[in-house]
C-alpha atoms as a PDB file:
ATOM      1  CA  MET A   1      -0.107   0.273  -0.210  1.00  0.00           C
ATOM      2  CA  THR A   2       1.327   3.563  -0.814  1.00  0.00           C
ATOM      3  CA  THR A   3       1.710   6.110   1.954  1.00  0.00           C
ATOM      4  CA  ARG A   4      -0.722   9.212   1.441  1.00  0.00           C
ATOM      5  CA  TYR A   5       1.409  12.302   2.559  1.00  0.00           C
ATOM      6  CA  SER A   6      -0.483  15.629   3.189  1.00  0.00           C
ATOM      7  CA  TYR A   7       0.910  18.761   3.754  1.00  0.00           C
ATOM      8  CA  HIS A   8       0.606  17.997   7.350  1.00  0.00           C
ATOM      9  CA  ASP A   9       3.891  15.831   7.031  1.00  0.00           C
ATOM     10  CA  LEU A  10       5.901  19.452   5.397  1.00  0.00           C
ATOM     11  CA  HIS A  11       8.796  19.938   7.354  1.00  0.00           C
ATOM     12  CA  ILE A  12      11.051  23.400   6.643  1.00  0.00           C
ATOM     13  CA  THR A  13      14.436  24.040   7.759  1.00  0.00           C
ATOM     14  CA  THR A  14      15.693  27.923   6.774  1.00  0.00           C
ATOM     15  CA  PRO A  15      19.011  29.356   8.543  1.00  0.00           C
ATOM     16  CA  GLN A  16      17.088  31.290  10.410  1.00  0.00           C
ATOM     17  CA  ILE A  17      14.032  28.086  11.357  1.00  0.00           C
ATOM     18  CA  ALA A  18      15.463  24.937  12.999  1.00  0.00           C
ATOM     19  CA  ARG A  19      13.639  21.586  10.956  1.00  0.00           C
ATOM     20  CA  THR A  20       9.956  22.668  11.845  1.00  0.00           C
ATOM     21  CA  SER A  21       6.122  21.104  10.617  1.00  0.00           C
ATOM     22  CA  ILE A  22       4.484  23.755   8.813  1.00  0.00           C
ATOM     23  CA  CYS A  23       1.734  23.110  11.309  1.00  0.00           C
ATOM     24  CA  ASP A  24       3.702  24.595  13.930  1.00  0.00           C
ATOM     25  CA  LEU A  25       4.644  27.495  12.221  1.00  0.00           C
ATOM     26  CA  PRO A  26       1.994  30.489  12.562  1.00  0.00           C
ATOM     27  CA  TYR A  27      -0.483  31.063  10.025  1.00  0.00           C
ATOM     28  CA  ARG A  28       1.166  33.571   8.122  1.00  0.00           C
ATOM     29  CA  VAL A  29       3.748  31.533   6.630  1.00  0.00           C
ATOM     30  CA  ARG A  30       3.240  30.197   2.918  1.00  0.00           C
ATOM     31  CA  VAL A  31       4.701  27.508   1.124  1.00  0.00           C
ATOM     32  CA  GLN A  32       4.775  28.248  -2.595  1.00  0.00           C
ATOM     33  CA  CYS A  33       6.800  26.746  -5.898  1.00  0.00           C
ATOM     34  CA  THR A  34       6.452  28.366  -8.948  1.00  0.00           C
ATOM     35  CA  ARG A  35       8.266  28.218 -12.397  1.00  0.00           C
ATOM     36  CA  VAL A  36      10.315  30.753 -12.007  1.00  0.00           C
ATOM     37  CA  GLY A  37      10.989  31.324  -8.350  1.00  0.00           C
ATOM     38  CA  GLY A  38      11.041  27.212  -7.246  1.00  0.00           C
ATOM     39  CA  TRP A  39      10.268  26.772  -3.765  1.00  0.00           C
ATOM     40  CA  GLU A  40      10.017  29.732  -1.435  1.00  0.00           C
ATOM     41  CA  VAL A  41       8.880  30.268   2.180  1.00  0.00           C
ATOM     42  CA  TRP A  42       7.510  33.642   2.924  1.00  0.00           C
ATOM     43  CA  ALA A  43       6.073  35.117   5.794  1.00  0.00           C
ATOM     44  CA  ILE A  44       2.728  36.859   4.870  1.00  0.00           C
ATOM     45  CA  THR A  45       2.475  40.562   6.620  1.00  0.00           C
ATOM     46  CA  GLU A  46      -0.308  42.641   7.356  1.00  0.00           C
ATOM     47  CA  GLY A  47      -0.958  46.286   5.866  1.00  0.00           C
ATOM     48  CA  HIS A  48       1.522  47.693   3.371  1.00  0.00           C
ATOM     49  CA  LEU A  49       4.143  45.761   4.853  1.00  0.00           C
ATOM     50  CA  PRO A  50       6.362  44.227   2.482  1.00  0.00           C
ATOM     51  CA  GLU A  51       6.337  40.081   2.794  1.00  0.00           C
ATOM     52  CA  GLU A  52       9.375  38.596   4.048  1.00  0.00           C
ATOM     53  CA  LEU A  53      10.834  35.628   2.089  1.00  0.00           C
ATOM     54  CA  LEU A  54      12.325  33.175   4.889  1.00  0.00           C
ATOM     55  CA  GLY A  55      13.632  30.964   2.669  1.00  0.00           C
ATOM     56  CA  ALA A  56      14.415  29.913  -1.142  1.00  0.00           C
ATOM     57  CA  GLU A  57      15.624  27.441  -3.329  1.00  0.00           C
ATOM     58  CA  TYR A  58      17.067  29.965  -6.060  1.00  0.00           C
ATOM     59  CA  GLU A  59      17.771  32.826  -3.743  1.00  0.00           C
ATOM     60  CA  GLU A  60      19.735  33.600  -0.325  1.00  0.00           C
ATOM     61  CA  PRO A  61      18.713  32.485   2.257  1.00  0.00           C
ATOM     62  CA  GLY A  62      18.632  29.414   1.415  1.00  0.00           C
ATOM     63  CA  LEU A  63      16.242  26.420   2.293  1.00  0.00           C
ATOM     64  CA  ARG A  64      15.133  22.669   3.199  1.00  0.00           C
ATOM     65  CA  LEU A  65      11.797  20.911   2.258  1.00  0.00           C
ATOM     66  CA  ASP A  66      11.125  17.508   3.216  1.00  0.00           C
ATOM     67  CA  ILE A  67       7.892  15.426   3.284  1.00  0.00           C
ATOM     68  CA  ALA A  68       8.528  12.964   6.662  1.00  0.00           C
ATOM     69  CA  GLY A  69      12.256  12.529   5.814  1.00  0.00           C
ATOM     70  CA  HIS A  70      12.128  12.801   2.138  1.00  0.00           C
ATOM     71  CA  VAL A  71      13.773  15.991   0.929  1.00  0.00           C
ATOM     72  CA  ILE A  72      12.137  17.559  -2.295  1.00  0.00           C
ATOM     73  CA  CYS A  73      14.588  20.621  -1.771  1.00  0.00           C
ATOM     74  CA  ASP A  74      17.768  21.195   0.111  1.00  0.00           C
ATOM     75  CA  THR A  75      19.735  24.373  -0.947  1.00  0.00           C
ATOM     76  CA  LEU A  76      21.135  24.480   2.594  1.00  0.00           C
ATOM     77  CA  SER A  77      23.869  21.869   2.402  1.00  0.00           C
ATOM     78  CA  GLN A  78      25.192  23.525  -0.843  1.00  0.00           C
ATOM     79  CA  ARG A  79      26.004  26.805   0.639  1.00  0.00           C
END
């Protein structure tokens, strides 16, 4: 039988965030993946303040994403 994973199994690691389940981070944290930017983790802000980039695949600071221990993105070990 195949194990089914969900976003609950996603863990985020950045230079400022120790490996943490997305469920244990504030609601304002957004993970996105685009063809142009790759994987990115953002802190969404309210009002007119700009969003804060917490980690990125192709930009500083680095980023590691894993799902139940299976790494899907890791630029931290390359730095």
